[in-house]
Amino acid sequence: DGFKVKEGRYQLDIRKKFFTMRMVKHWNRLPREVIEAPSLDTFKARLDVALGNLI
């Protein structure tokens, strides 16, 4: 799966890393339609729907 983010060891300067280790697990649990959103606005809308379904 090309969209999975792998956990790994991080250097001390975490500001250079886009995802923290805590975010990796959450990102990998998102539905594919959220991750494959063509724009940021679409991503946000689909993320809201996906998170709303969890409640």
PDB file of N, CA and C in Angstrom:
ATOM      1  N   ASP A   1       0.853  -1.184   0.000  1.00  0.00           N
ATOM      2  CA  ASP A   1       0.000   0.000   0.000  1.00  0.00           C
ATOM      3  C   ASP A   1       0.890   1.237   0.000  1.00  0.00           C
ATOM      4  N   GLY A   2       0.831   2.014  -1.033  1.00  0.00           N
ATOM      5  CA  GLY A   2       1.711   3.154  -1.198  1.00  0.00           C
ATOM      6  C   GLY A   2       1.397   4.333  -0.302  1.00  0.00           C
ATOM      7  N   PHE A   3       0.239   4.332   0.349  1.00  0.00           N
ATOM      8  CA  PHE A   3      -0.137   5.468   1.175  1.00  0.00           C
ATOM      9  C   PHE A   3       0.177   5.253   2.644  1.00  0.00           C
ATOM     10  N   LYS A   4       0.658   4.069   3.010  1.00  0.00           N
ATOM     11  CA  LYS A   4       0.982   3.802   4.403  1.00  0.00           C
ATOM     12  C   LYS A   4       2.248   4.547   4.780  1.00  0.00           C
ATOM     13  N   VAL A   5       2.270   5.079   5.982  1.00  0.00           N
ATOM     14  CA  VAL A   5       3.450   5.742   6.505  1.00  0.00           C
ATOM     15  C   VAL A   5       4.084   4.780   7.486  1.00  0.00           C
ATOM     16  N   LYS A   6       5.365   4.595   7.381  1.00  0.00           N
ATOM     17  CA  LYS A   6       6.047   3.640   8.244  1.00  0.00           C
ATOM     18  C   LYS A   6       6.623   4.342   9.459  1.00  0.00           C
ATOM     19  N   GLU A   7       6.514   3.651  10.603  1.00  0.00           N
ATOM     20  CA  GLU A   7       7.114   4.166  11.815  1.00  0.00           C
ATOM     21  C   GLU A   7       8.608   3.918  11.754  1.00  0.00           C
ATOM     22  N   GLY A   8       9.342   4.765  12.378  1.00  0.00           N
ATOM     23  CA  GLY A   8      10.779   4.581  12.420  1.00  0.00           C
ATOM     24  C   GLY A   8      11.373   5.409  13.529  1.00  0.00           C
ATOM     25  N   ARG A   9      12.655   5.328  13.633  1.00  0.00           N
ATOM     26  CA  ARG A   9      13.339   6.120  14.645  1.00  0.00           C
ATOM     27  C   ARG A   9      13.517   7.537  14.117  1.00  0.00           C
ATOM     28  N   TYR A  10      13.353   8.468  14.992  1.00  0.00           N
ATOM     29  CA  TYR A  10      13.466   9.862  14.604  1.00  0.00           C
ATOM     30  C   TYR A  10      14.658  10.498  15.302  1.00  0.00           C
ATOM     31  N   GLN A  11      15.233  11.458  14.634  1.00  0.00           N
ATOM     32  CA  GLN A  11      16.334  12.200  15.231  1.00  0.00           C
ATOM     33  C   GLN A  11      15.776  13.158  16.275  1.00  0.00           C
ATOM     34  N   LEU A  12      16.655  13.790  16.982  1.00  0.00           N
ATOM     35  CA  LEU A  12      16.223  14.689  18.044  1.00  0.00           C
ATOM     36  C   LEU A  12      15.465  15.899  17.518  1.00  0.00           C
ATOM     37  N   ASP A  13      15.772  16.341  16.319  1.00  0.00           N
ATOM     38  CA  ASP A  13      15.099  17.513  15.760  1.00  0.00           C
ATOM     39  C   ASP A  13      13.798  17.082  15.085  1.00  0.00           C
ATOM     40  N   ILE A  14      12.742  16.931  15.863  1.00  0.00           N
ATOM     41  CA  ILE A  14      11.468  16.422  15.354  1.00  0.00           C
ATOM     42  C   ILE A  14      10.778  17.441  14.457  1.00  0.00           C
ATOM     43  N   ARG A  15      11.180  18.700  14.523  1.00  0.00           N
ATOM     44  CA  ARG A  15      10.562  19.722  13.676  1.00  0.00           C
ATOM     45  C   ARG A  15      10.802  19.458  12.199  1.00  0.00           C
ATOM     46  N   LYS A  16      11.830  18.702  11.878  1.00  0.00           N
ATOM     47  CA  LYS A  16      12.126  18.395  10.483  1.00  0.00           C
ATOM     48  C   LYS A  16      11.258  17.256   9.956  1.00  0.00           C
ATOM     49  N   LYS A  17      10.570  16.568  10.837  1.00  0.00           N
ATOM     50  CA  LYS A  17       9.730  15.436  10.435  1.00  0.00           C
ATOM     51  C   LYS A  17       8.297  15.900  10.254  1.00  0.00           C
ATOM     52  N   PHE A  18       7.651  15.453   9.179  1.00  0.00           N
ATOM     53  CA  PHE A  18       6.287  15.869   8.900  1.00  0.00           C
ATOM     54  C   PHE A  18       5.305  15.162   9.822  1.00  0.00           C
ATOM     55  N   PHE A  19       5.479  13.866   9.986  1.00  0.00           N
ATOM     56  CA  PHE A  19       4.602  13.089  10.855  1.00  0.00           C
ATOM     57  C   PHE A  19       5.361  12.650  12.093  1.00  0.00           C
ATOM     58  N   THR A  20       4.725  12.778  13.237  1.00  0.00           N
ATOM     59  CA  THR A  20       5.298  12.210  14.446  1.00  0.00           C
ATOM     60  C   THR A  20       4.876  10.756  14.525  1.00  0.00           C
ATOM     61  N   MET A  21       5.492  10.014  15.410  1.00  0.00           N
ATOM     62  CA  MET A  21       5.171   8.593  15.534  1.00  0.00           C
ATOM     63  C   MET A  21       3.718   8.397  15.961  1.00  0.00           C
ATOM     64  N   ARG A  22       3.163   9.338  16.725  1.00  0.00           N
ATOM     65  CA  ARG A  22       1.773   9.214  17.157  1.00  0.00           C
ATOM     66  C   ARG A  22       0.808   9.393  15.995  1.00  0.00           C
ATOM     67  N   MET A  23       1.180  10.228  15.023  1.00  0.00           N
ATOM     68  CA  MET A  23       0.310  10.486  13.876  1.00  0.00           C
ATOM     69  C   MET A  23       0.292   9.340  12.877  1.00  0.00           C
ATOM     70  N   VAL A  24       1.365   8.568  12.825  1.00  0.00           N
ATOM     71  CA  VAL A  24       1.476   7.496  11.836  1.00  0.00           C
ATOM     72  C   VAL A  24       0.322   6.515  11.978  1.00  0.00           C
ATOM     73  N   LYS A  25       0.017   6.103  13.193  1.00  0.00           N
ATOM     74  CA  LYS A  25      -1.056   5.125  13.415  1.00  0.00           C
ATOM     75  C   LYS A  25      -2.411   5.686  12.998  1.00  0.00           C
ATOM     76  N   HIS A  26      -2.658   6.943  13.304  1.00  0.00           N
ATOM     77  CA  HIS A  26      -3.934   7.555  12.932  1.00  0.00           C
ATOM     78  C   HIS A  26      -4.053   7.714  11.419  1.00  0.00           C
ATOM     79  N   TRP A  27      -2.970   8.104  10.771  1.00  0.00           N
ATOM     80  CA  TRP A  27      -2.979   8.293   9.315  1.00  0.00           C
ATOM     81  C   TRP A  27      -3.285   6.978   8.620  1.00  0.00           C
ATOM     82  N   ASN A  28      -2.675   5.888   9.077  1.00  0.00           N
ATOM     83  CA  ASN A  28      -2.859   4.592   8.431  1.00  0.00           C
ATOM     84  C   ASN A  28      -4.263   4.032   8.638  1.00  0.00           C
ATOM     85  N   ARG A  29      -4.993   4.543   9.601  1.00  0.00           N
ATOM     86  CA  ARG A  29      -6.364   4.078   9.851  1.00  0.00           C
ATOM     87  C   ARG A  29      -7.410   4.843   9.043  1.00  0.00           C
ATOM     88  N   LEU A  30      -7.012   5.907   8.383  1.00  0.00           N
ATOM     89  CA  LEU A  30      -7.968   6.697   7.602  1.00  0.00           C
ATOM     90  C   LEU A  30      -8.431   5.923   6.375  1.00  0.00           C
ATOM     91  N   PRO A  31      -9.696   6.098   5.992  1.00  0.00           N
ATOM     92  CA  PRO A  31     -10.183   5.458   4.765  1.00  0.00           C
ATOM     93  C   PRO A  31      -9.441   5.993   3.538  1.00  0.00           C
ATOM     94  N   ARG A  32      -9.360   5.172   2.522  1.00  0.00           N
ATOM     95  CA  ARG A  32      -8.623   5.519   1.304  1.00  0.00           C
ATOM     96  C   ARG A  32      -9.188   6.770   0.635  1.00  0.00           C
ATOM     97  N   GLU A  33     -10.516   6.938   0.654  1.00  0.00           N
ATOM     98  CA  GLU A  33     -11.097   8.100  -0.021  1.00  0.00           C
ATOM     99  C   GLU A  33     -10.689   9.410   0.652  1.00  0.00           C
ATOM    100  N   VAL A  34     -10.357   9.363   1.934  1.00  0.00           N
ATOM    101  CA  VAL A  34      -9.872  10.566   2.621  1.00  0.00           C
ATOM    102  C   VAL A  34      -8.449  10.881   2.165  1.00  0.00           C
ATOM    103  N   ILE A  35      -7.612   9.880   2.138  1.00  0.00           N
ATOM    104  CA  ILE A  35      -6.202  10.069   1.797  1.00  0.00           C
ATOM    105  C   ILE A  35      -6.025  10.478   0.341  1.00  0.00           C
ATOM    106  N   GLU A  36      -6.868   9.958  -0.537  1.00  0.00           N
ATOM    107  CA  GLU A  36      -6.729  10.231  -1.965  1.00  0.00           C
ATOM    108  C   GLU A  36      -7.455  11.500  -2.412  1.00  0.00           C
ATOM    109  N   ALA A  37      -7.847  12.340  -1.483  1.00  0.00           N
ATOM    110  CA  ALA A  37      -8.549  13.576  -1.830  1.00  0.00           C
ATOM    111  C   ALA A  37      -7.666  14.455  -2.712  1.00  0.00           C
ATOM    112  N   PRO A  38      -8.240  15.029  -3.771  1.00  0.00           N
ATOM    113  CA  PRO A  38      -7.433  15.810  -4.712  1.00  0.00           C
ATOM    114  C   PRO A  38      -7.028  17.197  -4.205  1.00  0.00           C
ATOM    115  N   SER A  39      -7.728  17.712  -3.194  1.00  0.00           N
ATOM    116  CA  SER A  39      -7.389  19.046  -2.691  1.00  0.00           C
ATOM    117  C   SER A  39      -7.525  19.066  -1.175  1.00  0.00           C
ATOM    118  N   LEU A  40      -7.004  20.111  -0.574  1.00  0.00           N
ATOM    119  CA  LEU A  40      -7.065  20.242   0.876  1.00  0.00           C
ATOM    120  C   LEU A  40      -8.502  20.406   1.357  1.00  0.00           C
ATOM    121  N   ASP A  41      -9.307  21.168   0.626  1.00  0.00           N
ATOM    122  CA  ASP A  41     -10.708  21.351   1.011  1.00  0.00           C
ATOM    123  C   ASP A  41     -11.470  20.033   0.966  1.00  0.00           C
ATOM    124  N   THR A  42     -11.221  19.242  -0.062  1.00  0.00           N
ATOM    125  CA  THR A  42     -11.867  17.934  -0.173  1.00  0.00           C
ATOM    126  C   THR A  42     -11.389  17.017   0.941  1.00  0.00           C
ATOM    127  N   PHE A  43     -10.092  17.066   1.241  1.00  0.00           N
ATOM    128  CA  PHE A  43      -9.535  16.261   2.333  1.00  0.00           C
ATOM    129  C   PHE A  43     -10.221  16.596   3.649  1.00  0.00           C
ATOM    130  N   LYS A  44     -10.370  17.887   3.934  1.00  0.00           N
ATOM    131  CA  LYS A  44     -11.001  18.309   5.183  1.00  0.00           C
ATOM    132  C   LYS A  44     -12.452  17.851   5.259  1.00  0.00           C
ATOM    133  N   ALA A  45     -13.179  17.984   4.161  1.00  0.00           N
ATOM    134  CA  ALA A  45     -14.588  17.579   4.146  1.00  0.00           C
ATOM    135  C   ALA A  45     -14.714  16.075   4.359  1.00  0.00           C
ATOM    136  N   ARG A  46     -13.887  15.302   3.670  1.00  0.00           N
ATOM    137  CA  ARG A  46     -13.945  13.840   3.811  1.00  0.00           C
ATOM    138  C   ARG A  46     -13.472  13.399   5.189  1.00  0.00           C
ATOM    139  N   LEU A  47     -12.501  14.111   5.746  1.00  0.00           N
ATOM    140  CA  LEU A  47     -12.026  13.786   7.091  1.00  0.00           C
ATOM    141  C   LEU A  47     -13.122  14.039   8.119  1.00  0.00           C
ATOM    142  N   ASP A  48     -13.858  15.136   7.966  1.00  0.00           N
ATOM    143  CA  ASP A  48     -14.973  15.426   8.872  1.00  0.00           C
ATOM    144  C   ASP A  48     -16.017  14.322   8.827  1.00  0.00           C
ATOM    145  N   VAL A  49     -16.320  13.824   7.633  1.00  0.00           N
ATOM    146  CA  VAL A  49     -17.298  12.740   7.493  1.00  0.00           C
ATOM    147  C   VAL A  49     -16.770  11.466   8.138  1.00  0.00           C
ATOM    148  N   ALA A  50     -15.502  11.148   7.890  1.00  0.00           N
ATOM    149  CA  ALA A  50     -14.909   9.927   8.445  1.00  0.00           C
ATOM    150  C   ALA A  50     -14.874   9.982   9.965  1.00  0.00           C
ATOM    151  N   LEU A  51     -14.511  11.122  10.525  1.00  0.00           N
ATOM    152  CA  LEU A  51     -14.474  11.250  11.982  1.00  0.00           C
ATOM    153  C   LEU A  51     -15.876  11.282  12.570  1.00  0.00           C
ATOM    154  N   GLY A  52     -16.833  11.832  11.842  1.00  0.00           N
ATOM    155  CA  GLY A  52     -18.221  11.839  12.303  1.00  0.00           C
ATOM    156  C   GLY A  52     -18.809  10.443  12.377  1.00  0.00           C
ATOM    157  N   ASN A  53     -18.343   9.560  11.503  1.00  0.00           N
ATOM    158  CA  ASN A  53     -18.821   8.178  11.521  1.00  0.00           C
ATOM    159  C   ASN A  53     -18.281   7.398  12.708  1.00  0.00           C
ATOM    160  N   LEU A  54     -17.211   7.868  13.324  1.00  0.00           N
ATOM    161  CA  LEU A  54     -16.631   7.183  14.477  1.00  0.00           C
ATOM    162  C   LEU A  54     -17.433   7.424  15.747  1.00  0.00           C
ATOM    163  N   ILE A  55     -18.148   8.532  15.776  1.00  0.00           N
ATOM    164  CA  ILE A  55     -18.873   8.898  17.006  1.00  0.00           C
ATOM    165  C   ILE A  55     -20.189   8.173  17.093  1.00  0.00           C
TER     166      ILE A  55
END
